[in-house]
Amino acid sequence: ATAKSTIVCLFFMHLWGDTRVNQFILILSVLFVILMCSLTIA
């Protein structure tokens, strides 16, 4: 699921050639989701 969503974000949401700010926001969002899931599991 992570691989598929990464492909969708990179190519269909055009993040592959987009500005670094948008790429940073995506990465930060993914890290936030990982943190929240980790805290819930813990």
ModelCIF file with pLDDT and N, C-alpha, C, O atoms, coordinates in Angstrom:
data_MODEL
#
_entry.id   MODEL 
#
_entity.id                         1 
_entity.type                       polymer 
_entity.pdbx_number_of_molecules   1 
#
_entity_poly.entity_id                      1 
_entity_poly.type                           'polypeptide(L)' 
_entity_poly.nstd_linkage                   no 
_entity_poly.nstd_monomer                   no 
_entity_poly.pdbx_seq_one_letter_code       ATAKSTIVCLFFMHLWGDTRVNQFILILSVLFVILMCSLTIA 
_entity_poly.pdbx_seq_one_letter_code_can   ATAKSTIVCLFFMHLWGDTRVNQFILILSVLFVILMCSLTIA 
_entity_poly.pdbx_strand_id                 A 
#
loop_
_entity_poly_seq.entity_id 
_entity_poly_seq.num 
_entity_poly_seq.mon_id 
_entity_poly_seq.hetero 
1 1  ALA n 
1 2  THR n 
1 3  ALA n 
1 4  LYS n 
1 5  SER n 
1 6  THR n 
1 7  ILE n 
1 8  VAL n 
1 9  CYS n 
1 10 LEU n 
1 11 PHE n 
1 12 PHE n 
1 13 MET n 
1 14 HIS n 
1 15 LEU n 
1 16 TRP n 
1 17 GLY n 
1 18 ASP n 
1 19 THR n 
1 20 ARG n 
1 21 VAL n 
1 22 ASN n 
1 23 GLN n 
1 24 PHE n 
1 25 ILE n 
1 26 LEU n 
1 27 ILE n 
1 28 LEU n 
1 29 SER n 
1 30 VAL n 
1 31 LEU n 
1 32 PHE n 
1 33 VAL n 
1 34 ILE n 
1 35 LEU n 
1 36 MET n 
1 37 CYS n 
1 38 SER n 
1 39 LEU n 
1 40 THR n 
1 41 ILE n 
1 42 ALA n 
#
_struct_asym.id          A 
_struct_asym.entity_id   1 
#
loop_
_ma_qa_metric.id 
_ma_qa_metric.mode 
_ma_qa_metric.name 
_ma_qa_metric.software_group_id 
_ma_qa_metric.type 
1 global pLDDT . pLDDT 
2 local  pLDDT . pLDDT 
#
_ma_qa_metric_global.metric_id      1 
_ma_qa_metric_global.metric_value   87.00 
_ma_qa_metric_global.model_id       1 
_ma_qa_metric_global.ordinal_id     1 
#
loop_
_ma_qa_metric_local.label_asym_id 
_ma_qa_metric_local.label_comp_id 
_ma_qa_metric_local.label_seq_id 
_ma_qa_metric_local.metric_id 
_ma_qa_metric_local.metric_value 
_ma_qa_metric_local.model_id 
_ma_qa_metric_local.ordinal_id 
A ALA 1  2 92.00 1 1  
A THR 2  2 88.00 1 2  
A ALA 3  2 91.00 1 3  
A LYS 4  2 93.00 1 4  
A SER 5  2 89.00 1 5  
A THR 6  2 87.00 1 6  
A ILE 7  2 90.00 1 7  
A VAL 8  2 90.00 1 8  
A CYS 9  2 86.00 1 9  
A LEU 10 2 85.00 1 10 
A PHE 11 2 86.00 1 11 
A PHE 12 2 85.00 1 12 
A MET 13 2 83.00 1 13 
A HIS 14 2 83.00 1 14 
A LEU 15 2 81.00 1 15 
A TRP 16 2 81.00 1 16 
A GLY 17 2 79.00 1 17 
A ASP 18 2 79.00 1 18 
A THR 19 2 82.00 1 19 
A ARG 20 2 85.00 1 20 
A VAL 21 2 88.00 1 21 
A ASN 22 2 84.00 1 22 
A GLN 23 2 82.00 1 23 
A PHE 24 2 87.00 1 24 
A ILE 25 2 87.00 1 25 
A LEU 26 2 83.00 1 26 
A ILE 27 2 85.00 1 27 
A LEU 28 2 91.00 1 28 
A SER 29 2 88.00 1 29 
A VAL 30 2 85.00 1 30 
A LEU 31 2 91.00 1 31 
A PHE 32 2 93.00 1 32 
A VAL 33 2 88.00 1 33 
A ILE 34 2 89.00 1 34 
A LEU 35 2 94.00 1 35 
A MET 36 2 93.00 1 36 
A CYS 37 2 88.00 1 37 
A SER 38 2 89.00 1 38 
A LEU 39 2 92.00 1 39 
A THR 40 2 90.00 1 40 
A ILE 41 2 85.00 1 41 
A ALA 42 2 87.00 1 42 
#
loop_
_atom_site.group_PDB 
_atom_site.id 
_atom_site.type_symbol 
_atom_site.label_atom_id 
_atom_site.label_alt_id 
_atom_site.label_comp_id 
_atom_site.label_asym_id 
_atom_site.label_entity_id 
_atom_site.label_seq_id 
_atom_site.pdbx_PDB_ins_code 
_atom_site.Cartn_x 
_atom_site.Cartn_y 
_atom_site.Cartn_z 
_atom_site.occupancy 
_atom_site.B_iso_or_equiv 
_atom_site.pdbx_formal_charge 
_atom_site.auth_seq_id 
_atom_site.auth_comp_id 
_atom_site.auth_asym_id 
_atom_site.auth_atom_id 
_atom_site.pdbx_PDB_model_num 
ATOM 1   N N  . ALA A 1 1  ? 0.828  -1.210 0.000   1.00 92.00 ? 1  ALA A N  1 
ATOM 2   C CA . ALA A 1 1  ? 0.000  0.000  0.000   1.00 92.00 ? 1  ALA A CA 1 
ATOM 3   C C  . ALA A 1 1  ? 0.861  1.258  0.000   1.00 92.00 ? 1  ALA A C  1 
ATOM 4   O O  . ALA A 1 1  ? 0.525  2.246  -0.653  1.00 92.00 ? 1  ALA A O  1 
ATOM 5   N N  . THR A 1 2  ? 1.968  1.220  0.731   1.00 88.00 ? 2  THR A N  1 
ATOM 6   C CA . THR A 1 2  ? 2.877  2.369  0.759   1.00 88.00 ? 2  THR A CA 1 
ATOM 7   C C  . THR A 1 2  ? 3.504  2.601  -0.613  1.00 88.00 ? 2  THR A C  1 
ATOM 8   O O  . THR A 1 2  ? 3.623  3.739  -1.066  1.00 88.00 ? 2  THR A O  1 
ATOM 9   N N  . ALA A 1 3  ? 3.898  1.523  -1.261  1.00 91.00 ? 3  ALA A N  1 
ATOM 10  C CA . ALA A 1 3  ? 4.490  1.649  -2.605  1.00 91.00 ? 3  ALA A CA 1 
ATOM 11  C C  . ALA A 1 3  ? 3.472  2.233  -3.586  1.00 91.00 ? 3  ALA A C  1 
ATOM 12  O O  . ALA A 1 3  ? 3.805  3.120  -4.372  1.00 91.00 ? 3  ALA A O  1 
ATOM 13  N N  . LYS A 1 4  ? 2.237  1.740  -3.539  1.00 93.00 ? 4  LYS A N  1 
ATOM 14  C CA . LYS A 1 4  ? 1.216  2.256  -4.455  1.00 93.00 ? 4  LYS A CA 1 
ATOM 15  C C  . LYS A 1 4  ? 0.908  3.723  -4.178  1.00 93.00 ? 4  LYS A C  1 
ATOM 16  O O  . LYS A 1 4  ? 0.782  4.515  -5.111  1.00 93.00 ? 4  LYS A O  1 
ATOM 17  N N  . SER A 1 5  ? 0.786  4.087  -2.918  1.00 89.00 ? 5  SER A N  1 
ATOM 18  C CA . SER A 1 5  ? 0.469  5.482  -2.611  1.00 89.00 ? 5  SER A CA 1 
ATOM 19  C C  . SER A 1 5  ? 1.633  6.406  -2.963  1.00 89.00 ? 5  SER A C  1 
ATOM 20  O O  . SER A 1 5  ? 1.419  7.552  -3.358  1.00 89.00 ? 5  SER A O  1 
ATOM 21  N N  . THR A 1 6  ? 2.856  5.915  -2.822  1.00 87.00 ? 6  THR A N  1 
ATOM 22  C CA . THR A 1 6  ? 4.020  6.717  -3.206  1.00 87.00 ? 6  THR A CA 1 
ATOM 23  C C  . THR A 1 6  ? 4.020  6.983  -4.709  1.00 87.00 ? 6  THR A C  1 
ATOM 24  O O  . THR A 1 6  ? 4.297  8.100  -5.146  1.00 87.00 ? 6  THR A O  1 
ATOM 25  N N  . ILE A 1 7  ? 3.711  5.966  -5.489  1.00 90.00 ? 7  ILE A N  1 
ATOM 26  C CA . ILE A 1 7  ? 3.658  6.128  -6.944  1.00 90.00 ? 7  ILE A CA 1 
ATOM 27  C C  . ILE A 1 7  ? 2.569  7.132  -7.326  1.00 90.00 ? 7  ILE A C  1 
ATOM 28  O O  . ILE A 1 7  ? 2.784  7.990  -8.183  1.00 90.00 ? 7  ILE A O  1 
ATOM 29  N N  . VAL A 1 8  ? 1.403  7.022  -6.690  1.00 90.00 ? 8  VAL A N  1 
ATOM 30  C CA . VAL A 1 8  ? 0.310  7.959  -6.985  1.00 90.00 ? 8  VAL A CA 1 
ATOM 31  C C  . VAL A 1 8  ? 0.720  9.386  -6.636  1.00 90.00 ? 8  VAL A C  1 
ATOM 32  O O  . VAL A 1 8  ? 0.492  10.310 -7.417  1.00 90.00 ? 8  VAL A O  1 
ATOM 33  N N  . CYS A 1 9  ? 1.323  9.565  -5.467  1.00 86.00 ? 9  CYS A N  1 
ATOM 34  C CA . CYS A 1 9  ? 1.744  10.916 -5.061  1.00 86.00 ? 9  CYS A CA 1 
ATOM 35  C C  . CYS A 1 9  ? 2.804  11.484 -5.997  1.00 86.00 ? 9  CYS A C  1 
ATOM 36  O O  . CYS A 1 9  ? 2.731  12.651 -6.383  1.00 86.00 ? 9  CYS A O  1 
ATOM 37  N N  . LEU A 1 10 ? 3.777  10.676 -6.360  1.00 85.00 ? 10 LEU A N  1 
ATOM 38  C CA . LEU A 1 10 ? 4.875  11.173 -7.184  1.00 85.00 ? 10 LEU A CA 1 
ATOM 39  C C  . LEU A 1 10 ? 4.436  11.540 -8.594  1.00 85.00 ? 10 LEU A C  1 
ATOM 40  O O  . LEU A 1 10 ? 4.847  12.574 -9.121  1.00 85.00 ? 10 LEU A O  1 
ATOM 41  N N  . PHE A 1 11 ? 3.604  10.701 -9.212  1.00 86.00 ? 11 PHE A N  1 
ATOM 42  C CA . PHE A 1 11 ? 3.319  10.899 -10.620 1.00 86.00 ? 11 PHE A CA 1 
ATOM 43  C C  . PHE A 1 11 ? 1.959  11.535 -10.894 1.00 86.00 ? 11 PHE A C  1 
ATOM 44  O O  . PHE A 1 11 ? 1.864  12.431 -11.733 1.00 86.00 ? 11 PHE A O  1 
ATOM 45  N N  . PHE A 1 12 ? 0.904  11.095 -10.209 1.00 85.00 ? 12 PHE A N  1 
ATOM 46  C CA . PHE A 1 12 ? -0.416 11.654 -10.484 1.00 85.00 ? 12 PHE A CA 1 
ATOM 47  C C  . PHE A 1 12 ? -0.649 12.961 -9.744  1.00 85.00 ? 12 PHE A C  1 
ATOM 48  O O  . PHE A 1 12 ? -1.435 13.792 -10.199 1.00 85.00 ? 12 PHE A O  1 
ATOM 49  N N  . MET A 1 13 ? 0.023  13.162 -8.606  1.00 83.00 ? 13 MET A N  1 
ATOM 50  C CA . MET A 1 13 ? -0.072 14.440 -7.904  1.00 83.00 ? 13 MET A CA 1 
ATOM 51  C C  . MET A 1 13 ? 1.099  15.349 -8.288  1.00 83.00 ? 13 MET A C  1 
ATOM 52  O O  . MET A 1 13 ? 1.236  16.448 -7.750  1.00 83.00 ? 13 MET A O  1 
ATOM 53  N N  . HIS A 1 14 ? 1.939  14.893 -9.213  1.00 83.00 ? 14 HIS A N  1 
ATOM 54  C CA . HIS A 1 14 ? 3.036  15.671 -9.791  1.00 83.00 ? 14 HIS A CA 1 
ATOM 55  C C  . HIS A 1 14 ? 4.065  16.140 -8.766  1.00 83.00 ? 14 HIS A C  1 
ATOM 56  O O  . HIS A 1 14 ? 4.621  17.229 -8.908  1.00 83.00 ? 14 HIS A O  1 
ATOM 57  N N  . LEU A 1 15 ? 4.325  15.338 -7.742  1.00 81.00 ? 15 LEU A N  1 
ATOM 58  C CA . LEU A 1 15 ? 5.332  15.718 -6.757  1.00 81.00 ? 15 LEU A CA 1 
ATOM 59  C C  . LEU A 1 15 ? 6.746  15.394 -7.218  1.00 81.00 ? 15 LEU A C  1 
ATOM 60  O O  . LEU A 1 15 ? 7.711  15.879 -6.627  1.00 81.00 ? 15 LEU A O  1 
ATOM 61  N N  . TRP A 1 16 ? 6.884  14.594 -8.251  1.00 81.00 ? 16 TRP A N  1 
ATOM 62  C CA . TRP A 1 16 ? 8.203  14.220 -8.750  1.00 81.00 ? 16 TRP A CA 1 
ATOM 63  C C  . TRP A 1 16 ? 8.998  15.447 -9.195  1.00 81.00 ? 16 TRP A C  1 
ATOM 64  O O  . TRP A 1 16 ? 10.184 15.562 -8.886  1.00 81.00 ? 16 TRP A O  1 
ATOM 65  N N  . GLY A 1 17 ? 8.362  16.348 -9.908  1.00 79.00 ? 17 GLY A N  1 
ATOM 66  C CA . GLY A 1 17 ? 9.069  17.528 -10.395 1.00 79.00 ? 17 GLY A CA 1 
ATOM 67  C C  . GLY A 1 17 ? 8.603  18.806 -9.728  1.00 79.00 ? 17 GLY A C  1 
ATOM 68  O O  . GLY A 1 17 ? 8.837  19.896 -10.249 1.00 79.00 ? 17 GLY A O  1 
ATOM 69  N N  . ASP A 1 18 ? 7.953  18.691 -8.598  1.00 79.00 ? 18 ASP A N  1 
ATOM 70  C CA . ASP A 1 18 ? 7.404  19.864 -7.915  1.00 79.00 ? 18 ASP A CA 1 
ATOM 71  C C  . ASP A 1 18 ? 8.454  20.514 -7.024  1.00 79.00 ? 18 ASP A C  1 
ATOM 72  O O  . ASP A 1 18 ? 9.591  20.052 -6.929  1.00 79.00 ? 18 ASP A O  1 
ATOM 73  N N  . THR A 1 19 ? 8.046  21.583 -6.384  1.00 82.00 ? 19 THR A N  1 
ATOM 74  C CA . THR A 1 19 ? 8.970  22.317 -5.521  1.00 82.00 ? 19 THR A CA 1 
ATOM 75  C C  . THR A 1 19 ? 9.309  21.507 -4.276  1.00 82.00 ? 19 THR A C  1 
ATOM 76  O O  . THR A 1 19 ? 8.565  20.607 -3.886  1.00 82.00 ? 19 THR A O  1 
ATOM 77  N N  . ARG A 1 20 ? 10.424 21.830 -3.665  1.00 85.00 ? 20 ARG A N  1 
ATOM 78  C CA . ARG A 1 20 ? 10.879 21.135 -2.464  1.00 85.00 ? 20 ARG A CA 1 
ATOM 79  C C  . ARG A 1 20 ? 9.935  21.350 -1.289  1.00 85.00 ? 20 ARG A C  1 
ATOM 80  O O  . ARG A 1 20 ? 9.839  20.495 -0.408  1.00 85.00 ? 20 ARG A O  1 
ATOM 81  N N  . VAL A 1 21 ? 9.243  22.473 -1.265  1.00 88.00 ? 21 VAL A N  1 
ATOM 82  C CA . VAL A 1 21 ? 8.320  22.759 -0.161  1.00 88.00 ? 21 VAL A CA 1 
ATOM 83  C C  . VAL A 1 21 ? 7.181  21.734 -0.154  1.00 88.00 ? 21 VAL A C  1 
ATOM 84  O O  . VAL A 1 21 ? 6.843  21.195 0.900   1.00 88.00 ? 21 VAL A O  1 
ATOM 85  N N  . ASN A 1 22 ? 6.595  21.463 -1.309  1.00 84.00 ? 22 ASN A N  1 
ATOM 86  C CA . ASN A 1 22 ? 5.510  20.488 -1.380  1.00 84.00 ? 22 ASN A CA 1 
ATOM 87  C C  . ASN A 1 22 ? 6.003  19.085 -1.056  1.00 84.00 ? 22 ASN A C  1 
ATOM 88  O O  . ASN A 1 22 ? 5.300  18.320 -0.397  1.00 84.00 ? 22 ASN A O  1 
ATOM 89  N N  . GLN A 1 23 ? 7.189  18.744 -1.506  1.00 82.00 ? 23 GLN A N  1 
ATOM 90  C CA . GLN A 1 23 ? 7.758  17.439 -1.180  1.00 82.00 ? 23 GLN A CA 1 
ATOM 91  C C  . GLN A 1 23 ? 8.007  17.318 0.319   1.00 82.00 ? 23 GLN A C  1 
ATOM 92  O O  . GLN A 1 23 ? 7.765  16.264 0.909   1.00 82.00 ? 23 GLN A O  1 
ATOM 93  N N  . PHE A 1 24 ? 8.488  18.392 0.935   1.00 87.00 ? 24 PHE A N  1 
ATOM 94  C CA . PHE A 1 24 ? 8.731  18.399 2.376   1.00 87.00 ? 24 PHE A CA 1 
ATOM 95  C C  . PHE A 1 24 ? 7.423  18.230 3.151   1.00 87.00 ? 24 PHE A C  1 
ATOM 96  O O  . PHE A 1 24 ? 7.379  17.505 4.145   1.00 87.00 ? 24 PHE A O  1 
ATOM 97  N N  . ILE A 1 25 ? 6.365  18.896 2.698   1.00 87.00 ? 25 ILE A N  1 
ATOM 98  C CA . ILE A 1 25 ? 5.068  18.778 3.366   1.00 87.00 ? 25 ILE A CA 1 
ATOM 99  C C  . ILE A 1 25 ? 4.549  17.351 3.263   1.00 87.00 ? 25 ILE A C  1 
ATOM 100 O O  . ILE A 1 25 ? 3.998  16.832 4.234   1.00 87.00 ? 25 ILE A O  1 
ATOM 101 N N  . LEU A 1 26 ? 4.707  16.708 2.122   1.00 83.00 ? 26 LEU A N  1 
ATOM 102 C CA . LEU A 1 26 ? 4.278  15.318 1.975   1.00 83.00 ? 26 LEU A CA 1 
ATOM 103 C C  . LEU A 1 26 ? 5.060  14.413 2.916   1.00 83.00 ? 26 LEU A C  1 
ATOM 104 O O  . LEU A 1 26 ? 4.476  13.580 3.609   1.00 83.00 ? 26 LEU A O  1 
ATOM 105 N N  . ILE A 1 27 ? 6.378  14.574 2.943   1.00 85.00 ? 27 ILE A N  1 
ATOM 106 C CA . ILE A 1 27 ? 7.209  13.735 3.808   1.00 85.00 ? 27 ILE A CA 1 
ATOM 107 C C  . ILE A 1 27 ? 6.854  13.957 5.275   1.00 85.00 ? 27 ILE A C  1 
ATOM 108 O O  . ILE A 1 27 ? 6.774  13.002 6.047   1.00 85.00 ? 27 ILE A O  1 
ATOM 109 N N  . LEU A 1 28 ? 6.643  15.201 5.655   1.00 91.00 ? 28 LEU A N  1 
ATOM 110 C CA . LEU A 1 28 ? 6.264  15.520 7.024   1.00 91.00 ? 28 LEU A CA 1 
ATOM 111 C C  . LEU A 1 28 ? 4.906  14.912 7.376   1.00 91.00 ? 28 LEU A C  1 
ATOM 112 O O  . LEU A 1 28 ? 4.717  14.432 8.494   1.00 91.00 ? 28 LEU A O  1 
ATOM 113 N N  . SER A 1 29 ? 3.979  14.926 6.455   1.00 88.00 ? 29 SER A N  1 
ATOM 114 C CA . SER A 1 29 ? 2.662  14.324 6.684   1.00 88.00 ? 29 SER A CA 1 
ATOM 115 C C  . SER A 1 29 ? 2.771  12.826 6.887   1.00 88.00 ? 29 SER A C  1 
ATOM 116 O O  . SER A 1 29 ? 2.131  12.273 7.781   1.00 88.00 ? 29 SER A O  1 
ATOM 117 N N  . VAL A 1 30 ? 3.572  12.165 6.070   1.00 85.00 ? 30 VAL A N  1 
ATOM 118 C CA . VAL A 1 30 ? 3.753  10.721 6.201   1.00 85.00 ? 30 VAL A CA 1 
ATOM 119 C C  . VAL A 1 30 ? 4.409  10.390 7.545   1.00 85.00 ? 30 VAL A C  1 
ATOM 120 O O  . VAL A 1 30 ? 4.003  9.441  8.216   1.00 85.00 ? 30 VAL A O  1 
ATOM 121 N N  . LEU A 1 31 ? 5.409  11.160 7.934   1.00 91.00 ? 31 LEU A N  1 
ATOM 122 C CA . LEU A 1 31 ? 6.046  10.923 9.230   1.00 91.00 ? 31 LEU A CA 1 
ATOM 123 C C  . LEU A 1 31 ? 5.070  11.133 10.379  1.00 91.00 ? 31 LEU A C  1 
ATOM 124 O O  . LEU A 1 31 ? 5.124  10.407 11.372  1.00 91.00 ? 31 LEU A O  1 
ATOM 125 N N  . PHE A 1 32 ? 4.177  12.117 10.261  1.00 93.00 ? 32 PHE A N  1 
ATOM 126 C CA . PHE A 1 32 ? 3.175  12.353 11.283  1.00 93.00 ? 32 PHE A CA 1 
ATOM 127 C C  . PHE A 1 32 ? 2.216  11.172 11.390  1.00 93.00 ? 32 PHE A C  1 
ATOM 128 O O  . PHE A 1 32 ? 1.869  10.762 12.498  1.00 93.00 ? 32 PHE A O  1 
ATOM 129 N N  . VAL A 1 33 ? 1.784  10.620 10.263  1.00 88.00 ? 33 VAL A N  1 
ATOM 130 C CA . VAL A 1 33 ? 0.894  9.457  10.282  1.00 88.00 ? 33 VAL A CA 1 
ATOM 131 C C  . VAL A 1 33 ? 1.605  8.264  10.916  1.00 88.00 ? 33 VAL A C  1 
ATOM 132 O O  . VAL A 1 33 ? 1.002  7.535  11.704  1.00 88.00 ? 33 VAL A O  1 
ATOM 133 N N  . ILE A 1 34 ? 2.870  8.058  10.584  1.00 89.00 ? 34 ILE A N  1 
ATOM 134 C CA . ILE A 1 34 ? 3.638  6.962  11.188  1.00 89.00 ? 34 ILE A CA 1 
ATOM 135 C C  . ILE A 1 34 ? 3.738  7.155  12.695  1.00 89.00 ? 34 ILE A C  1 
ATOM 136 O O  . ILE A 1 34 ? 3.587  6.198  13.454  1.00 89.00 ? 34 ILE A O  1 
ATOM 137 N N  . LEU A 1 35 ? 3.990  8.378  13.131  1.00 94.00 ? 35 LEU A N  1 
ATOM 138 C CA . LEU A 1 35 ? 4.070  8.662  14.564  1.00 94.00 ? 35 LEU A CA 1 
ATOM 139 C C  . LEU A 1 35 ? 2.749  8.370  15.261  1.00 94.00 ? 35 LEU A C  1 
ATOM 140 O O  . LEU A 1 35 ? 2.732  7.739  16.318  1.00 94.00 ? 35 LEU A O  1 
ATOM 141 N N  . MET A 1 36 ? 1.654  8.818  14.684  1.00 93.00 ? 36 MET A N  1 
ATOM 142 C CA . MET A 1 36 ? 0.344  8.602  15.312  1.00 93.00 ? 36 MET A CA 1 
ATOM 143 C C  . MET A 1 36 ? -0.013 7.114  15.356  1.00 93.00 ? 36 MET A C  1 
ATOM 144 O O  . MET A 1 36 ? -0.547 6.638  16.358  1.00 93.00 ? 36 MET A O  1 
ATOM 145 N N  . CYS A 1 37 ? 0.274  6.381  14.289  1.00 88.00 ? 37 CYS A N  1 
ATOM 146 C CA . CYS A 1 37 ? 0.011  4.932  14.297  1.00 88.00 ? 37 CYS A CA 1 
ATOM 147 C C  . CYS A 1 37 ? 0.890  4.231  15.324  1.00 88.00 ? 37 CYS A C  1 
ATOM 148 O O  . CYS A 1 37 ? 0.426  3.330  16.023  1.00 88.00 ? 37 CYS A O  1 
ATOM 149 N N  . SER A 1 38 ? 2.150  4.632  15.424  1.00 89.00 ? 38 SER A N  1 
ATOM 150 C CA . SER A 1 38 ? 3.058  4.027  16.401  1.00 89.00 ? 38 SER A CA 1 
ATOM 151 C C  . SER A 1 38 ? 2.588  4.277  17.821  1.00 89.00 ? 38 SER A C  1 
ATOM 152 O O  . SER A 1 38 ? 2.622  3.370  18.652  1.00 89.00 ? 38 SER A O  1 
ATOM 153 N N  . LEU A 1 39 ? 2.150  5.494  18.111  1.00 92.00 ? 39 LEU A N  1 
ATOM 154 C CA . LEU A 1 39 ? 1.651  5.799  19.449  1.00 92.00 ? 39 LEU A CA 1 
ATOM 155 C C  . LEU A 1 39 ? 0.383  5.022  19.769  1.00 92.00 ? 39 LEU A C  1 
ATOM 156 O O  . LEU A 1 39 ? 0.192  4.579  20.901  1.00 92.00 ? 39 LEU A O  1 
ATOM 157 N N  . THR A 1 40 ? -0.478 4.856  18.779  1.00 90.00 ? 40 THR A N  1 
ATOM 158 C CA . THR A 1 40 ? -1.706 4.077  18.996  1.00 90.00 ? 40 THR A CA 1 
ATOM 159 C C  . THR A 1 40 ? -1.383 2.621  19.275  1.00 90.00 ? 40 THR A C  1 
ATOM 160 O O  . THR A 1 40 ? -1.952 2.021  20.186  1.00 90.00 ? 40 THR A O  1 
ATOM 161 N N  . ILE A 1 41 ? -0.469 2.046  18.494  1.00 85.00 ? 41 ILE A N  1 
ATOM 162 C CA . ILE A 1 41 ? -0.085 0.652  18.701  1.00 85.00 ? 41 ILE A CA 1 
ATOM 163 C C  . ILE A 1 41 ? 0.590  0.480  20.056  1.00 85.00 ? 41 ILE A C  1 
ATOM 164 O O  . ILE A 1 41 ? 0.332  -0.496 20.760  1.00 85.00 ? 41 ILE A O  1 
ATOM 165 N N  . ALA A 1 42 ? 1.448  1.417  20.422  1.00 87.00 ? 42 ALA A N  1 
ATOM 166 C CA . ALA A 1 42 ? 2.106  1.337  21.731  1.00 87.00 ? 42 ALA A CA 1 
ATOM 167 C C  . ALA A 1 42 ? 1.085  1.422  22.855  1.00 87.00 ? 42 ALA A C  1 
ATOM 168 O O  . ALA A 1 42 ? 1.452  1.373  24.029  1.00 87.00 ? 42 ALA A O  1 
#
